């Protein structure tokens, strides 16, 4: 089966996912026009498209709605399942309404269902699409491997393929409202800088990094940690078992915290939180807190 056989006369253009071009192409040329832009069909220069298939592509391209100026977009077409591997072959138009040609590198894309719930995510090398002409629409097939789909069925309608803007932005401070109200702006800015300087998380990594500890006179231990979320979706914590280890590797506190309300950490973000171990959960005699670590027991 050739690449062009994936595009059928029965295909229809679905949801469009458009963003401002500056989100992906820093300093891209911008038009001052306010007029909508109708994108022109563009094929990869290495494609030798049969005449009959060109009609299919033109029919689909004619269904595309005009974009606002200075946008990049992914317009969903359809999804086929590769019979042997079970991989999903996601057909879409990559569209540009900016007035100059562009070339892009690696960008993470996400598949969302009709309720905008995440189905799958994967980074793609957009260099493979070649140079995208001004104000154009280029058809492409994006392959999402079966292992990324997690047993989900192909959605019937309303799904979309989109740029994962969360993965493009810097890791951010996710400050709870109670912390925002209590911390002066200067301290909030210090926290944001500390988080920016922490080692980069792996994709989908959740990490617990201690940053402040104090043993009170009543022998309760107050521990502040960074809850770091490398996922591209929110994580919700209802119960958190936690252990504190001092500089000598000694276990000085151990407990399990019920979080009510649930503690949510936004995608690609770090949330600071303080946990208080009551005295009966603390064995801090002769503890060396010059260095310490927080860990979640398995």
Protein backbone atom coordinates (compact mmCIF):
# COMPACT_ATOMS: atom_id res chain seq x y z
CA UNK A 1 0.00 0.00 0.00
CA UNK A 2 1.39 3.40 -0.95
CA UNK A 3 1.24 6.51 1.20
CA UNK A 4 -1.48 7.99 -1.01
CA UNK A 5 -3.77 4.99 -0.53
CA UNK A 6 -4.33 6.13 3.05
CA UNK A 7 -6.24 9.17 1.77
CA UNK A 8 -9.66 8.16 0.47
CA UNK A 9 -12.53 9.83 -1.34
CA UNK A 10 -14.71 9.11 1.69
CA UNK A 11 -12.42 11.08 4.05
CA UNK A 12 -13.66 14.34 5.52
CA UNK A 13 -11.86 17.19 7.27
CA UNK A 14 -12.59 17.28 10.99
CA UNK A 15 -11.57 19.60 13.83
CA UNK A 16 -8.91 22.23 13.30
CA UNK A 17 -6.35 23.07 15.99
CA UNK A 18 -4.74 26.46 15.36
CA UNK A 19 -2.14 28.42 17.32
CA UNK A 20 -0.31 31.71 16.89
CA UNK A 21 2.81 31.08 14.79
CA UNK A 22 5.02 32.75 17.42
CA UNK A 23 4.32 29.79 19.71
CA UNK A 24 6.44 27.62 17.39
CA UNK A 25 8.42 29.94 15.15
CA UNK A 26 10.11 32.61 17.23
CA UNK A 27 10.42 35.89 15.36
CA UNK A 28 8.47 34.62 12.35
CA UNK A 29 7.39 37.15 9.76
CA UNK A 30 3.96 38.54 10.55
CA UNK A 31 1.40 40.10 8.30
CA UNK A 32 -0.52 43.18 9.39
CA UNK A 33 -3.57 42.15 7.41
CA UNK A 34 -6.71 41.27 9.35
CA UNK A 35 -8.20 39.28 6.45
CA UNK A 36 -8.79 35.55 6.76
CA UNK A 37 -6.31 33.36 4.86
CA UNK A 38 -7.39 30.51 2.58
CA UNK A 39 -4.50 28.05 2.50
CA UNK A 40 -3.34 26.51 -0.79
CA UNK A 41 -2.70 22.79 -1.22
CA UNK A 42 1.01 21.94 -1.10
CA UNK A 43 2.70 18.58 -1.65
CA UNK A 44 6.09 17.50 -0.35
CA UNK A 45 8.57 17.99 -3.23
CA UNK A 46 9.50 14.29 -3.14
CA UNK A 47 5.91 13.19 -3.61
CA UNK A 48 4.87 12.04 -7.07
CA UNK A 49 1.12 12.24 -6.61
CA UNK A 50 -1.02 10.37 -9.17
CA UNK A 51 -3.60 12.50 -10.93
CA UNK A 52 -6.57 10.68 -9.39
CA UNK A 53 -5.12 11.12 -5.91
CA UNK A 54 -4.59 14.82 -6.53
CA UNK A 55 -8.36 15.16 -6.92
CA UNK A 56 -8.82 13.56 -3.47
CA UNK A 57 -6.36 15.98 -1.88
CA UNK A 58 -7.97 18.98 -3.61
CA UNK A 59 -11.41 17.88 -2.47
CA UNK A 60 -10.19 17.67 1.14
CA UNK A 61 -8.28 20.96 0.91
CA UNK A 62 -11.42 22.71 -0.33
CA UNK A 63 -13.15 21.74 2.93
CA UNK A 64 -10.59 23.61 5.02
CA UNK A 65 -11.85 26.77 6.65
CA UNK A 66 -9.75 29.94 6.32
CA UNK A 67 -7.29 30.67 9.10
CA UNK A 68 -6.64 33.91 10.90
CA UNK A 69 -3.41 35.62 9.81
CA UNK A 70 -0.14 34.38 11.36
CA UNK A 71 -1.36 30.98 12.47
CA UNK A 72 -0.14 27.40 12.30
CA UNK A 73 -2.71 24.64 12.36
CA UNK A 74 -3.34 20.91 12.25
CA UNK A 75 -6.61 19.92 10.59
CA UNK A 76 -7.73 16.37 11.38
CA UNK A 77 -8.82 14.10 8.52
CA UNK A 78 -9.10 10.48 9.70
CA UNK A 79 -7.34 7.65 11.53
CA UNK A 80 -6.54 4.20 10.14
CA UNK A 81 -5.17 1.29 12.13
CA UNK A 82 -2.21 -0.52 10.62
CA UNK A 83 -3.43 -4.16 10.52
CA UNK A 84 -0.13 -5.84 11.40
CA UNK A 85 1.22 -3.54 14.10
CA UNK A 86 -1.94 -1.93 15.47
CA UNK A 87 -0.31 1.50 15.08
CA UNK A 88 -2.58 4.45 14.35
CA UNK A 89 -2.02 6.30 11.09
CA UNK A 90 -3.34 9.80 11.73
CA UNK A 91 -4.03 11.83 8.61
CA UNK A 92 -4.05 15.59 8.84
CA UNK A 93 -3.17 18.82 7.07
CA UNK A 94 -0.34 20.89 8.51
CA UNK A 95 -1.31 24.45 7.65
CA UNK A 96 0.38 27.83 7.76
CA UNK A 97 -1.18 31.26 7.24
CA UNK A 98 2.10 33.17 7.69
CA UNK A 99 3.51 35.08 4.69
CA UNK A 100 6.88 33.28 4.47
CA UNK A 101 8.20 29.74 4.09
CA UNK A 102 9.09 27.86 7.29
CA UNK A 103 10.98 24.78 8.40
CA UNK A 104 10.37 23.23 11.81
CA UNK A 105 12.20 20.75 14.04
CA UNK A 106 10.91 18.35 16.66
CA UNK A 107 7.47 19.12 18.03
CA UNK A 108 5.33 17.02 20.35
CA UNK A 109 1.81 16.35 19.08
CA UNK A 110 -1.16 15.12 21.08
CA UNK A 111 -4.33 13.27 20.12
CA UNK A 112 -7.46 14.41 21.94
CA UNK A 113 -10.95 12.91 21.95
CA UNK A 114 -14.16 14.87 21.44
CA UNK A 115 -14.05 15.94 25.11
CA UNK A 116 -10.42 17.10 24.76
CA UNK A 117 -9.18 14.19 26.88
CA UNK A 118 -5.70 12.97 26.02
CA UNK A 119 -5.50 9.80 23.92
CA UNK A 120 -1.78 9.80 23.04
CA UNK A 121 1.25 12.02 22.66
CA UNK A 122 4.46 11.73 20.64
CA UNK A 123 7.27 14.00 19.41
CA UNK A 124 7.57 14.25 15.61
CA UNK A 125 10.41 15.60 13.48
CA UNK A 126 8.76 18.21 11.28
CA UNK A 127 11.91 18.41 9.16
CA UNK A 128 10.45 15.39 7.36
CA UNK A 129 7.60 17.58 6.09
CA UNK A 130 10.14 19.74 4.28
CA UNK A 131 9.86 23.47 3.70
CA UNK A 132 6.29 24.68 4.12
CA UNK A 133 5.40 27.43 1.62
CA UNK A 134 3.56 30.60 2.68
CA UNK A 135 -0.19 30.26 3.29
CA UNK A 136 -0.30 26.57 2.47
CA UNK A 137 -1.77 23.23 3.60
CA UNK A 138 0.39 20.10 3.40
CA UNK A 139 -1.19 16.64 3.89
CA UNK A 140 0.73 14.21 6.10
CA UNK A 141 0.41 10.92 7.98
CA UNK A 142 1.54 10.93 11.62
CA UNK A 143 2.13 7.46 13.08
CA UNK A 144 1.25 6.86 16.73
CA UNK A 145 2.56 3.46 17.83
CA UNK A 146 0.18 1.02 19.49
CA UNK A 147 2.17 1.23 22.75
CA UNK A 148 1.24 4.93 22.99
CA UNK A 149 -2.50 4.34 22.59
CA UNK A 150 -2.99 2.23 25.74
CA UNK A 151 -5.76 0.02 24.37
CA UNK A 152 -8.09 2.82 23.34
CA UNK A 153 -10.46 2.54 20.38
CA UNK A 154 -10.19 4.84 17.39
CA UNK A 155 -12.58 7.74 18.07
CA UNK A 156 -15.49 8.05 15.66
CA UNK A 157 -15.76 11.82 15.48
CA UNK A 158 -14.83 15.07 17.20
CA UNK A 159 -11.20 14.06 17.84
CA UNK A 160 -8.30 16.34 16.99
CA UNK A 161 -4.55 16.36 16.61
CA UNK A 162 -2.83 19.35 18.17
CA UNK A 163 0.51 20.87 19.12
CA UNK A 164 1.45 20.18 22.72
CA UNK A 165 2.22 23.73 23.81
CA UNK A 166 2.87 22.57 27.37
CA UNK A 167 5.95 20.68 26.17
CA UNK A 168 7.22 23.82 24.40
CA UNK A 169 7.11 26.15 27.36
CA UNK A 170 9.64 26.22 30.18
CA UNK A 171 8.95 24.22 33.33
CA UNK A 172 6.86 26.49 35.55
CA UNK A 173 6.08 27.19 39.19
CA UNK A 174 2.59 25.99 40.11
CA UNK A 175 1.82 27.94 43.26
CA UNK A 176 -1.27 27.11 45.29
CA UNK A 177 -3.55 30.03 46.13
CA UNK A 178 -2.73 29.72 49.83
CA UNK A 179 0.96 30.12 49.05
CA UNK A 180 0.28 33.04 46.70
CA UNK A 181 -1.60 34.81 49.48
CA UNK A 182 1.09 34.19 52.12
CA UNK A 183 4.33 34.65 50.18
CA UNK A 184 5.58 38.10 49.13
CA UNK A 185 6.20 38.57 45.42
CA UNK A 186 9.96 38.58 45.96
CA UNK A 187 9.88 35.12 47.55
CA UNK A 188 7.62 33.82 44.80
CA UNK A 189 10.17 35.01 42.24
CA UNK A 190 12.98 33.30 44.19
CA UNK A 191 11.03 30.04 44.18
CA UNK A 192 10.45 30.33 40.43
CA UNK A 193 14.18 30.82 39.84
CA UNK A 194 15.09 27.85 42.05
CA UNK A 195 12.68 25.64 40.10
CA UNK A 196 14.08 26.84 36.78
CA UNK A 197 17.61 25.88 37.88
CA UNK A 198 16.69 22.34 39.02
CA UNK A 199 17.82 19.41 36.83
CA UNK A 200 15.50 18.81 33.91
CA UNK A 201 12.87 16.11 34.41
CA UNK A 202 12.57 13.13 32.12
CA UNK A 203 9.35 12.84 30.16
CA UNK A 204 6.53 11.64 32.45
CA UNK A 205 8.80 11.74 35.52
CA UNK A 206 7.37 12.72 38.91
CA UNK A 207 10.02 13.84 41.37
CA UNK A 208 9.99 14.91 45.04
CA UNK A 209 12.79 17.32 45.97
CA UNK A 210 13.17 18.69 49.49
CA UNK A 211 14.05 22.35 49.95
CA UNK A 212 13.32 23.26 53.58
CA UNK A 213 13.17 21.32 56.86
CA UNK A 214 12.72 22.42 60.48
CA UNK A 215 12.53 20.43 63.70
CA UNK A 216 10.29 22.29 66.15
CA UNK A 217 10.57 22.34 69.95
CA UNK A 218 7.61 19.97 70.24
CA UNK A 219 9.62 17.49 68.06
CA UNK A 220 7.28 17.85 65.08
CA UNK A 221 9.10 17.99 61.76
CA UNK A 222 8.01 20.54 59.13
CA UNK A 223 9.19 19.56 55.67
CA UNK A 224 8.72 21.58 52.47
CA UNK A 225 9.25 19.79 49.18
CA UNK A 226 8.92 20.47 45.48
CA UNK A 227 6.47 18.10 43.78
CA UNK A 228 7.73 18.08 40.20
CA UNK A 229 5.48 16.92 37.36
CA UNK A 230 7.13 16.04 34.04
CA UNK A 231 3.87 14.74 32.53
CA UNK A 232 1.88 16.64 29.93
CA UNK A 233 -1.24 16.18 32.05
CA UNK A 234 -2.30 17.08 35.57
CA UNK A 235 -1.37 14.68 38.37
CA UNK A 236 -3.72 14.43 41.36
CA UNK A 237 -2.44 13.30 44.76
CA UNK A 238 -4.96 11.93 47.28
CA UNK A 239 -2.60 10.02 49.56
CA UNK A 240 1.17 10.44 49.82
CA UNK A 241 3.47 8.16 51.85
CA UNK A 242 6.64 10.06 52.68
CA UNK A 243 9.98 9.33 54.33
CA UNK A 244 12.69 11.77 55.38
CA UNK A 245 16.35 10.69 55.36
CA UNK A 246 19.12 12.72 57.02
CA UNK A 247 22.72 13.29 55.87
CA UNK A 248 23.83 9.96 57.35
CA UNK A 249 21.14 7.99 55.56
CA UNK A 250 19.12 7.61 58.74
CA UNK A 251 15.32 7.45 58.51
CA UNK A 252 14.14 10.28 60.79
CA UNK A 253 10.44 10.56 59.85
CA UNK A 254 7.89 8.37 58.16
CA UNK A 255 4.20 8.91 57.58
CA UNK A 256 1.34 8.88 55.11
CA UNK A 257 -0.56 12.07 54.33
CA UNK A 258 -4.18 12.18 53.20
CA UNK A 259 -4.59 15.20 50.96
CA UNK A 260 -8.05 16.68 51.26
CA UNK A 261 -8.80 18.46 49.04
CA UNK A 262 -6.81 16.53 46.43
CA UNK A 263 -3.48 18.18 45.63
CA UNK A 264 -3.20 18.82 41.88
CA UNK A 265 0.05 19.60 40.09
CA UNK A 266 -0.26 21.14 36.64
CA UNK A 267 1.51 19.65 33.58
CA UNK A 268 5.22 20.44 33.21
CA UNK A 269 5.14 22.28 36.54
CA UNK A 270 6.45 22.13 40.10
CA UNK A 271 4.29 22.72 43.18
CA UNK A 272 5.86 23.45 46.59
CA UNK A 273 4.06 21.93 49.57
CA UNK A 274 4.70 21.59 53.30
CA UNK A 275 4.11 18.35 55.23
CA UNK A 276 4.08 18.25 59.04
CA UNK A 277 5.16 15.04 60.76
CA UNK A 278 3.81 14.92 64.33
CA UNK A 279 6.31 14.02 67.06
CA UNK A 280 5.15 10.39 67.26
CA UNK A 281 6.28 9.87 63.61
CA UNK A 282 9.68 11.49 64.15
CA UNK A 283 12.92 9.90 65.43
CA UNK A 284 15.23 12.86 64.98
CA UNK A 285 17.58 12.41 67.94
CA UNK A 286 21.13 13.24 66.76
CA UNK A 287 19.78 13.80 63.23
CA UNK A 288 22.09 15.60 60.80
CA UNK A 289 19.91 17.93 58.75
CA UNK A 290 22.81 19.64 56.96
CA UNK A 291 21.71 17.49 54.03
CA UNK A 292 18.50 15.51 53.77
CA UNK A 293 16.16 13.92 51.25
CA UNK A 294 12.48 13.22 50.89
CA UNK A 295 11.40 9.96 49.27
CA UNK A 296 8.17 8.20 48.48
CA UNK A 297 8.46 4.53 49.53
CA UNK A 298 7.41 1.95 46.96
